[in-house]
């Protein structure tokens, strides 16, 4: 997979406090793989490199509103996210209590995300982008290739990877710019990395990705 600012975008899922801040409600589930992968620093490097090399950047966030908590069925991790009260917002038209909350973006990423150029999509609701406008936004910019990273590896990142591939995009996942939970001897980070290699067009490290983005300018 070759990258070019003309047709390749950086897509980051869930760069939010609930996963990436020690104050986040899911931090204890992912902190080991975040530390091992240097996830926080690597996502920062991807944002920085994309901006410096004229790659379009898209963020697919995860928000839950009060009525979402009234869903009458769901999967195991779906129930866990609701029980932990992850990504909570007062409503789609309200930013009351948003700043600094678990649903807010990590402070170190805000200069990149809030620069007026980054496309922040409507929220995905479970894991993948089927229920938000990411695919529409990518197609409207004539993007055909995606560099994918963010949180969490075996849930939202993997689900975005699968759907984008099904939608006809080439996808490379940055395997050390993500992380996942380790629960009851289940290693979500390892599971994700296996599937990245088996399904995506490429699975690159952050350093490899940076080199490819910089080389695209030559």
N, C-alpha and C. Protein backbone atom coordinates (compact mmCIF):
# COMPACT_ATOMS: atom_id res chain seq x y z
N UNK A 1 0.85 -1.19 0.00
CA UNK A 1 0.00 0.00 0.00
C UNK A 1 0.89 1.24 0.00
N UNK A 2 0.69 2.11 -0.99
CA UNK A 2 1.41 3.36 -1.07
C UNK A 2 0.53 4.50 -0.58
N UNK A 3 1.14 5.49 0.04
CA UNK A 3 0.36 6.60 0.59
C UNK A 3 0.70 7.89 -0.13
N UNK A 4 -0.30 8.74 -0.23
CA UNK A 4 -0.14 10.05 -0.87
C UNK A 4 -1.18 10.99 -0.26
N UNK A 5 -0.79 12.24 -0.01
CA UNK A 5 -1.78 13.21 0.50
C UNK A 5 -2.98 13.39 -0.44
N UNK A 6 -2.82 13.00 -1.69
CA UNK A 6 -3.91 13.18 -2.65
C UNK A 6 -5.07 12.21 -2.41
N UNK A 7 -4.76 11.02 -1.89
CA UNK A 7 -5.83 10.03 -1.75
C UNK A 7 -5.81 9.25 -0.44
N UNK A 8 -4.92 9.63 0.48
CA UNK A 8 -4.75 8.89 1.73
C UNK A 8 -5.04 9.80 2.92
N UNK A 9 -5.79 9.29 3.88
CA UNK A 9 -6.12 10.05 5.08
C UNK A 9 -5.71 9.28 6.32
N UNK A 10 -5.42 10.03 7.38
CA UNK A 10 -5.24 9.46 8.71
C UNK A 10 -6.59 9.46 9.42
N UNK A 11 -7.02 8.29 9.90
CA UNK A 11 -8.26 8.18 10.67
C UNK A 11 -7.91 7.70 12.07
N UNK A 12 -8.33 8.46 13.07
CA UNK A 12 -8.09 8.12 14.47
C UNK A 12 -9.44 7.88 15.15
N UNK A 13 -9.58 6.73 15.77
CA UNK A 13 -10.80 6.42 16.50
C UNK A 13 -10.60 6.67 18.00
N UNK A 14 -11.57 7.31 18.60
CA UNK A 14 -11.67 7.43 20.06
C UNK A 14 -10.41 7.95 20.77
N UNK A 15 -9.84 9.07 20.34
CA UNK A 15 -8.69 9.62 21.06
C UNK A 15 -9.15 10.40 22.29
N UNK A 16 -9.85 9.71 23.17
CA UNK A 16 -10.61 10.34 24.24
C UNK A 16 -10.12 9.93 25.63
N UNK A 17 -10.49 10.73 26.60
CA UNK A 17 -9.96 10.56 27.96
C UNK A 17 -10.33 9.23 28.61
N UNK A 18 -11.52 8.71 28.34
CA UNK A 18 -11.94 7.50 29.04
C UNK A 18 -11.01 6.32 28.78
N UNK A 19 -10.33 6.30 27.63
CA UNK A 19 -9.36 5.26 27.35
C UNK A 19 -7.92 5.70 27.58
N UNK A 20 -7.61 6.97 27.34
CA UNK A 20 -6.21 7.38 27.25
C UNK A 20 -5.72 8.26 28.40
N UNK A 21 -6.59 8.58 29.32
CA UNK A 21 -6.18 9.36 30.50
C UNK A 21 -6.22 8.48 31.74
N UNK A 22 -5.26 8.61 32.65
CA UNK A 22 -5.32 7.87 33.90
C UNK A 22 -6.60 8.14 34.69
N UNK A 23 -7.28 9.23 34.40
CA UNK A 23 -8.55 9.53 35.05
C UNK A 23 -9.74 8.90 34.34
N UNK A 24 -9.51 8.30 33.18
CA UNK A 24 -10.58 7.70 32.40
C UNK A 24 -11.13 6.44 33.05
N UNK A 25 -12.42 6.18 32.83
CA UNK A 25 -13.07 5.05 33.51
C UNK A 25 -12.57 3.70 33.01
N UNK A 26 -11.98 3.65 31.80
CA UNK A 26 -11.49 2.37 31.27
C UNK A 26 -9.97 2.27 31.32
N UNK A 27 -9.32 3.24 31.94
CA UNK A 27 -7.86 3.28 31.94
C UNK A 27 -7.24 1.99 32.50
N UNK A 28 -7.77 1.49 33.60
CA UNK A 28 -7.18 0.31 34.23
C UNK A 28 -7.25 -0.93 33.33
N UNK A 29 -8.18 -0.95 32.40
CA UNK A 29 -8.31 -2.10 31.50
C UNK A 29 -7.24 -2.08 30.39
N UNK A 30 -6.80 -0.88 30.03
CA UNK A 30 -5.92 -0.76 28.86
C UNK A 30 -4.51 -0.24 29.19
N UNK A 31 -4.29 0.17 30.41
CA UNK A 31 -3.05 0.88 30.73
C UNK A 31 -1.80 0.07 30.42
N UNK A 32 -1.86 -1.25 30.59
CA UNK A 32 -0.67 -2.07 30.34
C UNK A 32 -0.30 -2.06 28.86
N UNK A 33 -1.29 -2.23 27.99
CA UNK A 33 -0.96 -2.24 26.56
C UNK A 33 -0.70 -0.83 26.04
N UNK A 34 -1.30 0.19 26.65
CA UNK A 34 -0.97 1.57 26.29
C UNK A 34 0.50 1.85 26.58
N UNK A 35 0.97 1.41 27.74
CA UNK A 35 2.38 1.61 28.10
C UNK A 35 3.30 0.79 27.19
N UNK A 36 2.94 -0.46 26.94
CA UNK A 36 3.78 -1.33 26.11
C UNK A 36 3.92 -0.80 24.69
N UNK A 37 2.82 -0.31 24.12
CA UNK A 37 2.82 0.17 22.73
C UNK A 37 3.27 1.62 22.60
N UNK A 38 3.36 2.36 23.72
CA UNK A 38 3.59 3.81 23.68
C UNK A 38 2.48 4.48 22.85
N UNK A 39 1.27 4.02 23.11
CA UNK A 39 0.12 4.42 22.30
C UNK A 39 -0.10 5.92 22.29
N UNK A 40 -0.07 6.55 23.44
CA UNK A 40 -0.37 7.98 23.52
C UNK A 40 0.63 8.79 22.72
N UNK A 41 1.90 8.47 22.89
CA UNK A 41 2.94 9.19 22.17
C UNK A 41 2.86 8.92 20.67
N UNK A 42 2.56 7.69 20.29
CA UNK A 42 2.53 7.33 18.87
C UNK A 42 1.36 7.97 18.14
N UNK A 43 0.21 8.05 18.79
CA UNK A 43 -0.92 8.76 18.16
C UNK A 43 -0.55 10.22 17.96
N UNK A 44 0.10 10.82 18.94
CA UNK A 44 0.56 12.20 18.83
C UNK A 44 1.48 12.37 17.62
N UNK A 45 2.42 11.45 17.45
CA UNK A 45 3.35 11.51 16.33
C UNK A 45 2.63 11.39 14.98
N UNK A 46 1.61 10.56 14.93
CA UNK A 46 0.84 10.42 13.69
C UNK A 46 0.09 11.70 13.36
N UNK A 47 -0.55 12.28 14.35
CA UNK A 47 -1.22 13.57 14.13
C UNK A 47 -0.23 14.60 13.59
N UNK A 48 0.90 14.71 14.28
CA UNK A 48 1.91 15.72 13.93
C UNK A 48 2.42 15.51 12.51
N UNK A 49 2.75 14.28 12.17
CA UNK A 49 3.30 13.99 10.85
C UNK A 49 2.27 14.22 9.76
N UNK A 50 1.03 13.81 10.02
CA UNK A 50 -0.03 14.02 9.02
C UNK A 50 -0.21 15.51 8.73
N UNK A 51 -0.23 16.32 9.77
CA UNK A 51 -0.42 17.75 9.58
C UNK A 51 0.76 18.38 8.84
N UNK A 52 1.96 17.95 9.19
CA UNK A 52 3.15 18.53 8.57
C UNK A 52 3.31 18.13 7.11
N UNK A 53 2.68 17.02 6.72
CA UNK A 53 2.85 16.50 5.36
C UNK A 53 1.56 16.53 4.55
N UNK A 54 0.61 17.35 5.01
CA UNK A 54 -0.60 17.66 4.23
C UNK A 54 -1.54 16.49 4.00
N UNK A 55 -1.54 15.53 4.93
CA UNK A 55 -2.53 14.46 4.89
C UNK A 55 -3.80 14.92 5.61
N UNK A 56 -4.94 14.65 5.03
CA UNK A 56 -6.20 14.97 5.70
C UNK A 56 -6.36 14.05 6.90
N UNK A 57 -6.95 14.60 7.96
CA UNK A 57 -7.12 13.87 9.21
C UNK A 57 -8.60 13.81 9.57
N UNK A 58 -9.05 12.62 9.95
CA UNK A 58 -10.43 12.39 10.35
C UNK A 58 -10.43 11.75 11.74
N UNK A 59 -11.33 12.20 12.59
CA UNK A 59 -11.50 11.60 13.92
C UNK A 59 -12.91 11.04 14.01
N UNK A 60 -12.99 9.78 14.38
CA UNK A 60 -14.29 9.11 14.58
C UNK A 60 -14.46 8.90 16.09
N UNK A 61 -15.23 9.77 16.75
CA UNK A 61 -15.35 9.70 18.21
C UNK A 61 -16.48 8.77 18.63
N UNK A 62 -16.52 8.51 19.92
CA UNK A 62 -17.53 7.63 20.52
C UNK A 62 -18.26 8.45 21.59
N UNK A 63 -19.54 8.68 21.40
CA UNK A 63 -20.33 9.40 22.40
C UNK A 63 -21.59 8.61 22.72
N UNK A 64 -21.97 8.64 23.99
CA UNK A 64 -23.26 8.10 24.41
C UNK A 64 -24.08 9.22 25.07
N UNK A 65 -25.34 9.29 24.69
CA UNK A 65 -26.27 10.25 25.26
C UNK A 65 -27.21 9.51 26.22
N UNK A 66 -27.92 10.22 27.09
CA UNK A 66 -28.74 9.54 28.10
C UNK A 66 -29.68 8.48 27.54
N UNK A 67 -30.27 8.74 26.37
CA UNK A 67 -31.20 7.75 25.84
C UNK A 67 -30.51 6.49 25.34
N UNK A 68 -29.21 6.57 25.03
CA UNK A 68 -28.47 5.37 24.62
C UNK A 68 -28.36 4.37 25.76
N UNK A 69 -28.36 4.86 26.98
CA UNK A 69 -28.25 3.97 28.13
C UNK A 69 -29.52 3.18 28.38
N UNK A 70 -30.57 3.47 27.63
CA UNK A 70 -31.84 2.76 27.78
C UNK A 70 -32.01 1.65 26.75
N UNK A 71 -30.96 1.39 25.96
CA UNK A 71 -31.03 0.25 25.03
C UNK A 71 -31.36 -1.01 25.81
N UNK A 72 -32.18 -1.88 25.23
CA UNK A 72 -32.68 -3.04 25.98
C UNK A 72 -31.87 -4.32 25.74
N UNK A 73 -30.88 -4.27 24.85
CA UNK A 73 -30.00 -5.43 24.68
C UNK A 73 -28.66 -4.96 24.16
N UNK A 74 -27.66 -5.84 24.28
CA UNK A 74 -26.32 -5.50 23.79
C UNK A 74 -25.34 -6.60 24.10
N UNK A 75 -24.14 -6.49 23.52
CA UNK A 75 -23.09 -7.47 23.74
C UNK A 75 -22.34 -7.23 25.04
N UNK A 76 -21.38 -8.11 25.31
CA UNK A 76 -20.66 -8.08 26.59
C UNK A 76 -19.95 -6.76 26.84
N UNK A 77 -19.11 -6.32 25.89
CA UNK A 77 -18.38 -5.08 26.10
C UNK A 77 -19.28 -3.86 25.98
N UNK A 78 -20.33 -4.00 25.20
CA UNK A 78 -21.32 -2.92 25.12
C UNK A 78 -21.91 -2.66 26.50
N UNK A 79 -22.32 -3.74 27.18
CA UNK A 79 -22.86 -3.60 28.53
C UNK A 79 -21.81 -3.00 29.46
N UNK A 80 -20.57 -3.44 29.32
CA UNK A 80 -19.51 -2.93 30.19
C UNK A 80 -19.32 -1.43 30.01
N UNK A 81 -19.33 -0.96 28.75
CA UNK A 81 -19.16 0.47 28.49
C UNK A 81 -20.28 1.28 29.12
N UNK A 82 -21.50 0.75 29.04
CA UNK A 82 -22.62 1.47 29.65
C UNK A 82 -22.52 1.46 31.18
N UNK A 83 -22.10 0.32 31.72
CA UNK A 83 -21.97 0.24 33.18
C UNK A 83 -20.87 1.17 33.70
N UNK A 84 -19.80 1.30 32.92
CA UNK A 84 -18.71 2.20 33.31
C UNK A 84 -19.05 3.67 33.05
N UNK A 85 -20.13 3.89 32.30
CA UNK A 85 -20.56 5.24 31.90
C UNK A 85 -19.48 5.92 31.04
N UNK A 86 -18.99 5.16 30.07
CA UNK A 86 -17.99 5.69 29.16
C UNK A 86 -18.60 6.68 28.18
N UNK A 87 -17.79 7.65 27.79
CA UNK A 87 -18.11 8.57 26.69
C UNK A 87 -19.45 9.30 26.89
N UNK A 88 -19.75 9.64 28.11
CA UNK A 88 -21.05 10.24 28.40
C UNK A 88 -21.12 11.71 28.03
N UNK A 89 -22.19 12.09 27.34
CA UNK A 89 -22.50 13.49 27.08
C UNK A 89 -23.95 13.75 27.44
N UNK A 90 -24.26 15.01 27.73
CA UNK A 90 -25.63 15.36 28.13
C UNK A 90 -26.62 15.19 26.98
N UNK A 91 -26.15 15.37 25.75
CA UNK A 91 -27.02 15.24 24.59
C UNK A 91 -26.29 15.71 23.35
N UNK A 92 -26.82 15.42 22.18
CA UNK A 92 -26.14 15.78 20.94
C UNK A 92 -26.04 17.28 20.70
N UNK A 93 -26.89 18.06 21.36
CA UNK A 93 -26.89 19.51 21.17
C UNK A 93 -26.29 20.26 22.35
N UNK A 94 -25.71 19.52 23.29
CA UNK A 94 -25.19 20.16 24.50
C UNK A 94 -23.73 19.81 24.72
N UNK A 95 -22.95 20.82 25.10
CA UNK A 95 -21.57 20.59 25.53
C UNK A 95 -21.41 20.81 27.04
N UNK A 96 -22.53 20.85 27.76
CA UNK A 96 -22.49 21.00 29.20
C UNK A 96 -21.68 19.86 29.83
N UNK A 97 -20.66 20.21 30.59
CA UNK A 97 -19.86 19.22 31.27
C UNK A 97 -18.92 18.42 30.38
N UNK A 98 -18.83 18.82 29.11
CA UNK A 98 -18.01 18.04 28.18
C UNK A 98 -16.51 18.26 28.38
N UNK A 99 -16.11 19.51 28.56
CA UNK A 99 -14.69 19.82 28.64
C UNK A 99 -14.03 19.09 29.80
N UNK A 100 -13.01 18.32 29.49
CA UNK A 100 -12.29 17.59 30.52
C UNK A 100 -12.95 16.30 30.95
N UNK A 101 -14.10 15.99 30.38
CA UNK A 101 -14.80 14.76 30.76
C UNK A 101 -14.18 13.55 30.07
N UNK A 102 -14.68 12.38 30.38
CA UNK A 102 -14.18 11.18 29.74
C UNK A 102 -14.43 11.15 28.26
N UNK A 103 -15.46 11.84 27.80
CA UNK A 103 -15.79 11.89 26.38
C UNK A 103 -14.94 12.89 25.61
N UNK A 104 -14.29 13.80 26.33
CA UNK A 104 -13.48 14.83 25.68
C UNK A 104 -12.19 14.23 25.13
N UNK A 105 -11.58 14.94 24.18
CA UNK A 105 -10.32 14.49 23.60
C UNK A 105 -9.18 14.73 24.58
N UNK A 106 -8.17 13.89 24.49
CA UNK A 106 -6.98 14.07 25.30
C UNK A 106 -6.38 15.45 25.00
N UNK A 107 -6.01 16.18 26.03
CA UNK A 107 -5.56 17.57 25.86
C UNK A 107 -4.42 17.70 24.86
N UNK A 108 -3.48 16.76 24.87
CA UNK A 108 -2.30 16.90 23.99
C UNK A 108 -2.67 16.76 22.52
N UNK A 109 -3.85 16.20 22.23
CA UNK A 109 -4.28 16.07 20.83
C UNK A 109 -5.12 17.24 20.34
N UNK A 110 -5.59 18.05 21.25
CA UNK A 110 -6.54 19.10 20.86
C UNK A 110 -5.98 20.10 19.84
N UNK A 111 -4.70 20.49 19.91
CA UNK A 111 -4.21 21.41 18.88
C UNK A 111 -4.34 20.85 17.46
N UNK A 112 -4.25 19.54 17.32
CA UNK A 112 -4.42 18.91 16.00
C UNK A 112 -5.90 18.78 15.64
N UNK A 113 -6.70 18.36 16.61
CA UNK A 113 -8.12 18.08 16.33
C UNK A 113 -8.93 19.35 16.16
N UNK A 114 -8.56 20.39 16.91
CA UNK A 114 -9.36 21.63 16.91
C UNK A 114 -8.74 22.72 16.05
N UNK A 115 -7.99 22.33 15.02
CA UNK A 115 -7.32 23.33 14.17
C UNK A 115 -8.20 23.84 13.04
N UNK A 116 -9.43 23.39 12.95
CA UNK A 116 -10.33 23.83 11.90
C UNK A 116 -10.18 23.07 10.60
N UNK A 117 -9.23 22.16 10.55
CA UNK A 117 -8.99 21.36 9.35
C UNK A 117 -9.37 19.89 9.54
N UNK A 118 -9.23 19.40 10.73
CA UNK A 118 -9.57 18.00 11.02
C UNK A 118 -11.08 17.80 10.92
N UNK A 119 -11.48 16.71 10.27
CA UNK A 119 -12.90 16.36 10.15
C UNK A 119 -13.27 15.49 11.35
N UNK A 120 -14.17 15.98 12.19
CA UNK A 120 -14.68 15.20 13.31
C UNK A 120 -16.04 14.67 12.89
N UNK A 121 -16.14 13.37 12.75
CA UNK A 121 -17.38 12.78 12.24
C UNK A 121 -18.44 12.74 13.34
N UNK A 122 -19.64 12.40 12.94
CA UNK A 122 -20.66 12.08 13.93
C UNK A 122 -20.20 10.84 14.70
N UNK A 123 -20.72 10.62 15.91
CA UNK A 123 -20.19 9.52 16.72
C UNK A 123 -20.59 8.14 16.21
N UNK A 124 -19.65 7.19 16.33
CA UNK A 124 -20.06 5.80 16.16
C UNK A 124 -20.62 5.33 17.50
N UNK A 125 -21.51 4.37 17.46
CA UNK A 125 -22.29 4.04 18.64
C UNK A 125 -21.92 2.73 19.31
N UNK A 126 -21.41 1.79 18.54
CA UNK A 126 -20.97 0.54 19.18
C UNK A 126 -19.47 0.41 18.92
N UNK A 127 -19.06 -0.09 17.77
CA UNK A 127 -17.63 -0.19 17.48
C UNK A 127 -17.27 0.36 16.11
N UNK A 128 -18.03 0.01 15.10
CA UNK A 128 -17.67 0.38 13.74
C UNK A 128 -18.30 1.67 13.27
N UNK A 129 -17.96 2.11 12.03
CA UNK A 129 -18.45 3.37 11.50
C UNK A 129 -19.76 3.23 10.72
N UNK A 130 -20.42 2.09 10.84
CA UNK A 130 -21.66 1.88 10.08
C UNK A 130 -22.73 2.92 10.42
N UNK A 131 -22.74 3.39 11.68
CA UNK A 131 -23.79 4.30 12.12
C UNK A 131 -23.37 5.77 12.11
N UNK A 132 -22.15 6.06 11.64
CA UNK A 132 -21.76 7.47 11.56
C UNK A 132 -21.44 7.86 10.11
N UNK A 133 -20.90 9.05 9.91
CA UNK A 133 -20.73 9.56 8.54
C UNK A 133 -19.27 9.51 8.07
N UNK A 134 -18.45 8.65 8.69
CA UNK A 134 -17.04 8.59 8.30
C UNK A 134 -16.86 8.25 6.82
N UNK A 135 -17.53 7.22 6.34
CA UNK A 135 -17.36 6.80 4.95
C UNK A 135 -17.78 7.92 4.00
N UNK A 136 -18.90 8.57 4.30
CA UNK A 136 -19.35 9.70 3.47
C UNK A 136 -18.28 10.79 3.44
N UNK A 137 -17.75 11.15 4.61
CA UNK A 137 -16.76 12.22 4.67
C UNK A 137 -15.49 11.85 3.91
N UNK A 138 -15.07 10.61 4.00
CA UNK A 138 -13.88 10.17 3.26
C UNK A 138 -14.13 10.23 1.76
N UNK A 139 -15.28 9.74 1.32
CA UNK A 139 -15.57 9.73 -0.11
C UNK A 139 -15.70 11.15 -0.67
N UNK A 140 -16.24 12.05 0.11
CA UNK A 140 -16.41 13.43 -0.34
C UNK A 140 -15.06 14.14 -0.50
N UNK A 141 -14.03 13.60 0.11
CA UNK A 141 -12.68 14.15 -0.06
C UNK A 141 -11.86 13.32 -1.05
N UNK A 142 -12.51 12.37 -1.74
CA UNK A 142 -11.86 11.47 -2.70
C UNK A 142 -10.74 10.65 -2.06
N UNK A 143 -10.95 10.27 -0.82
CA UNK A 143 -10.00 9.42 -0.13
C UNK A 143 -10.28 7.96 -0.49
N UNK A 144 -9.24 7.23 -0.88
CA UNK A 144 -9.38 5.81 -1.20
C UNK A 144 -8.52 4.93 -0.31
N UNK A 145 -7.58 5.55 0.43
CA UNK A 145 -6.68 4.80 1.29
C UNK A 145 -6.68 5.42 2.68
N UNK A 146 -6.63 4.56 3.69
CA UNK A 146 -6.74 5.02 5.07
C UNK A 146 -5.59 4.46 5.91
N UNK A 147 -4.96 5.34 6.67
CA UNK A 147 -4.04 4.95 7.74
C UNK A 147 -4.85 5.03 9.02
N UNK A 148 -5.00 3.91 9.70
CA UNK A 148 -5.94 3.80 10.81
C UNK A 148 -5.22 3.55 12.13
N UNK A 149 -5.62 4.29 13.17
CA UNK A 149 -5.07 4.10 14.51
C UNK A 149 -6.09 4.60 15.52
N UNK A 150 -5.78 4.43 16.81
CA UNK A 150 -6.68 4.94 17.85
C UNK A 150 -7.03 3.85 18.85
N UNK A 151 -8.16 4.02 19.50
CA UNK A 151 -8.61 3.10 20.54
C UNK A 151 -9.99 2.53 20.18
N UNK A 152 -10.29 1.37 20.74
CA UNK A 152 -9.31 0.42 21.22
C UNK A 152 -9.13 -0.67 20.16
N UNK A 153 -7.99 -1.36 20.22
CA UNK A 153 -7.54 -2.16 19.11
C UNK A 153 -8.49 -3.21 18.61
N UNK A 154 -8.98 -4.09 19.49
CA UNK A 154 -9.80 -5.21 19.05
C UNK A 154 -11.28 -4.87 18.99
N UNK A 155 -11.62 -3.63 19.30
CA UNK A 155 -13.03 -3.22 19.25
C UNK A 155 -13.21 -2.18 18.14
N UNK A 156 -13.05 -0.91 18.45
CA UNK A 156 -13.37 0.13 17.47
C UNK A 156 -12.38 0.19 16.31
N UNK A 157 -11.09 0.01 16.58
CA UNK A 157 -10.12 0.06 15.49
C UNK A 157 -10.36 -1.11 14.53
N UNK A 158 -10.46 -2.30 15.09
CA UNK A 158 -10.69 -3.46 14.22
C UNK A 158 -12.01 -3.36 13.47
N UNK A 159 -13.05 -2.88 14.14
CA UNK A 159 -14.35 -2.75 13.47
C UNK A 159 -14.30 -1.71 12.36
N UNK A 160 -13.59 -0.60 12.59
CA UNK A 160 -13.41 0.39 11.53
C UNK A 160 -12.61 -0.21 10.37
N UNK A 161 -11.56 -0.94 10.69
CA UNK A 161 -10.78 -1.58 9.64
C UNK A 161 -11.65 -2.48 8.77
N UNK A 162 -12.43 -3.33 9.39
CA UNK A 162 -13.25 -4.29 8.65
C UNK A 162 -14.27 -3.56 7.76
N UNK A 163 -14.96 -2.59 8.31
CA UNK A 163 -15.99 -1.90 7.53
C UNK A 163 -15.39 -1.09 6.39
N UNK A 164 -14.28 -0.40 6.65
CA UNK A 164 -13.65 0.38 5.59
C UNK A 164 -13.18 -0.52 4.45
N UNK A 165 -12.65 -1.68 4.79
CA UNK A 165 -12.24 -2.62 3.76
C UNK A 165 -13.45 -3.10 2.97
N UNK A 166 -14.53 -3.41 3.66
CA UNK A 166 -15.75 -3.84 2.98
C UNK A 166 -16.30 -2.74 2.08
N UNK A 167 -16.03 -1.50 2.44
CA UNK A 167 -16.51 -0.36 1.65
C UNK A 167 -15.57 -0.03 0.48
N UNK A 168 -14.49 -0.78 0.34
CA UNK A 168 -13.62 -0.60 -0.82
C UNK A 168 -12.39 0.25 -0.61
N UNK A 169 -12.07 0.59 0.65
CA UNK A 169 -10.86 1.36 0.94
C UNK A 169 -9.67 0.42 1.16
N UNK A 170 -8.49 0.88 0.80
CA UNK A 170 -7.27 0.22 1.26
C UNK A 170 -6.98 0.74 2.66
N UNK A 171 -6.62 -0.16 3.54
CA UNK A 171 -6.43 0.23 4.95
C UNK A 171 -5.12 -0.33 5.48
N UNK A 172 -4.31 0.55 6.05
CA UNK A 172 -3.16 0.13 6.84
C UNK A 172 -3.42 0.51 8.29
N UNK A 173 -3.23 -0.42 9.19
CA UNK A 173 -3.40 -0.15 10.61
C UNK A 173 -2.03 0.05 11.26
N UNK A 174 -1.92 1.07 12.08
CA UNK A 174 -0.67 1.34 12.80
C UNK A 174 -0.75 0.58 14.12
N UNK A 175 -0.08 -0.56 14.18
CA UNK A 175 -0.34 -1.53 15.25
C UNK A 175 0.19 -1.11 16.61
N UNK A 176 1.08 -0.11 16.67
CA UNK A 176 1.54 0.36 17.98
C UNK A 176 0.99 1.75 18.31
N UNK A 177 0.01 2.20 17.55
CA UNK A 177 -0.71 3.45 17.87
C UNK A 177 -2.13 3.11 18.25
N UNK A 178 -2.25 2.00 18.93
CA UNK A 178 -3.53 1.54 19.48
C UNK A 178 -3.21 0.73 20.73
N UNK A 179 -4.22 0.25 21.40
CA UNK A 179 -4.05 -0.59 22.58
C UNK A 179 -5.41 -1.20 22.87
N UNK A 180 -5.43 -2.21 23.74
CA UNK A 180 -6.70 -2.87 24.04
C UNK A 180 -6.66 -3.44 25.45
N UNK A 181 -7.83 -3.83 25.91
CA UNK A 181 -7.98 -4.34 27.27
C UNK A 181 -7.41 -5.75 27.41
N UNK A 182 -6.95 -6.03 28.61
CA UNK A 182 -6.60 -7.39 29.01
C UNK A 182 -7.52 -7.77 30.16
N UNK A 183 -8.39 -8.75 29.91
CA UNK A 183 -9.42 -9.11 30.89
C UNK A 183 -9.49 -10.63 31.01
N UNK A 184 -9.37 -11.13 32.22
CA UNK A 184 -9.57 -12.57 32.47
C UNK A 184 -8.74 -13.43 31.52
N UNK A 185 -7.46 -13.10 31.42
CA UNK A 185 -6.52 -13.83 30.56
C UNK A 185 -6.83 -13.67 29.07
N UNK A 186 -7.67 -12.75 28.70
CA UNK A 186 -7.94 -12.44 27.29
C UNK A 186 -7.15 -11.20 26.91
N UNK A 187 -6.27 -11.34 25.93
CA UNK A 187 -5.40 -10.24 25.53
C UNK A 187 -5.95 -9.60 24.26
N UNK A 188 -6.71 -8.53 24.43
CA UNK A 188 -7.32 -7.86 23.28
C UNK A 188 -6.30 -7.25 22.34
N UNK A 189 -5.17 -6.80 22.89
CA UNK A 189 -4.14 -6.19 22.05
C UNK A 189 -3.53 -7.21 21.10
N UNK A 190 -3.22 -8.38 21.60
CA UNK A 190 -2.67 -9.43 20.75
C UNK A 190 -3.69 -9.89 19.72
N UNK A 191 -4.93 -10.04 20.13
CA UNK A 191 -5.98 -10.45 19.19
C UNK A 191 -6.11 -9.46 18.05
N UNK A 192 -6.06 -8.17 18.39
CA UNK A 192 -6.17 -7.14 17.36
C UNK A 192 -5.00 -7.19 16.40
N UNK A 193 -3.81 -7.33 16.92
CA UNK A 193 -2.62 -7.33 16.06
C UNK A 193 -2.61 -8.52 15.11
N UNK A 194 -3.12 -9.65 15.56
CA UNK A 194 -3.24 -10.81 14.67
C UNK A 194 -4.19 -10.50 13.52
N UNK A 195 -5.32 -9.92 13.85
CA UNK A 195 -6.31 -9.63 12.80
C UNK A 195 -5.87 -8.49 11.89
N UNK A 196 -5.15 -7.52 12.41
CA UNK A 196 -4.62 -6.47 11.55
C UNK A 196 -3.75 -7.11 10.44
N UNK A 197 -2.88 -8.02 10.86
CA UNK A 197 -1.96 -8.64 9.89
C UNK A 197 -2.70 -9.55 8.91
N UNK A 198 -3.78 -10.17 9.35
CA UNK A 198 -4.50 -11.11 8.50
C UNK A 198 -5.49 -10.45 7.55
N UNK A 199 -5.94 -9.22 7.90
CA UNK A 199 -7.05 -8.62 7.15
C UNK A 199 -6.66 -7.34 6.42
N UNK A 200 -5.89 -6.47 7.05
CA UNK A 200 -5.60 -5.16 6.46
C UNK A 200 -4.64 -5.27 5.28
N UNK A 201 -4.61 -4.22 4.47
CA UNK A 201 -3.64 -4.17 3.38
C UNK A 201 -2.22 -4.12 3.91
N UNK A 202 -2.05 -3.54 5.11
CA UNK A 202 -0.73 -3.47 5.74
C UNK A 202 -0.90 -3.25 7.23
N UNK A 203 0.10 -3.66 7.99
CA UNK A 203 0.16 -3.38 9.42
C UNK A 203 1.55 -2.81 9.69
N UNK A 204 1.59 -1.50 9.96
CA UNK A 204 2.86 -0.80 10.11
C UNK A 204 3.07 -0.33 11.55
N UNK A 205 4.32 -0.17 11.93
CA UNK A 205 4.64 0.52 13.16
C UNK A 205 4.49 2.03 12.94
N UNK A 206 4.50 2.77 14.02
CA UNK A 206 4.43 4.23 13.90
C UNK A 206 5.62 4.77 13.12
N UNK A 207 6.82 4.26 13.41
CA UNK A 207 8.01 4.75 12.70
C UNK A 207 7.93 4.45 11.21
N UNK A 208 7.47 3.27 10.86
CA UNK A 208 7.31 2.93 9.44
C UNK A 208 6.30 3.86 8.78
N UNK A 209 5.21 4.13 9.47
CA UNK A 209 4.16 5.00 8.92
C UNK A 209 4.68 6.41 8.70
N UNK A 210 5.41 6.92 9.68
CA UNK A 210 5.98 8.26 9.57
C UNK A 210 6.92 8.34 8.37
N UNK A 211 7.76 7.34 8.22
CA UNK A 211 8.69 7.34 7.08
C UNK A 211 7.93 7.34 5.75
N UNK A 212 6.86 6.57 5.67
CA UNK A 212 6.09 6.50 4.42
C UNK A 212 5.38 7.83 4.15
N UNK A 213 4.87 8.47 5.19
CA UNK A 213 4.19 9.76 5.00
C UNK A 213 5.17 10.84 4.56
N UNK A 214 6.35 10.84 5.16
CA UNK A 214 7.36 11.83 4.79
C UNK A 214 7.90 11.56 3.39
N UNK A 215 8.09 10.30 3.05
CA UNK A 215 8.62 9.95 1.73
C UNK A 215 7.65 10.31 0.62
N UNK A 216 6.37 10.38 0.93
CA UNK A 216 5.36 10.69 -0.08
C UNK A 216 5.52 12.10 -0.63
N UNK A 217 6.28 12.93 0.09
CA UNK A 217 6.47 14.33 -0.34
C UNK A 217 7.63 14.48 -1.32
N UNK A 218 8.41 13.41 -1.50
CA UNK A 218 9.61 13.51 -2.34
C UNK A 218 9.25 13.28 -3.81
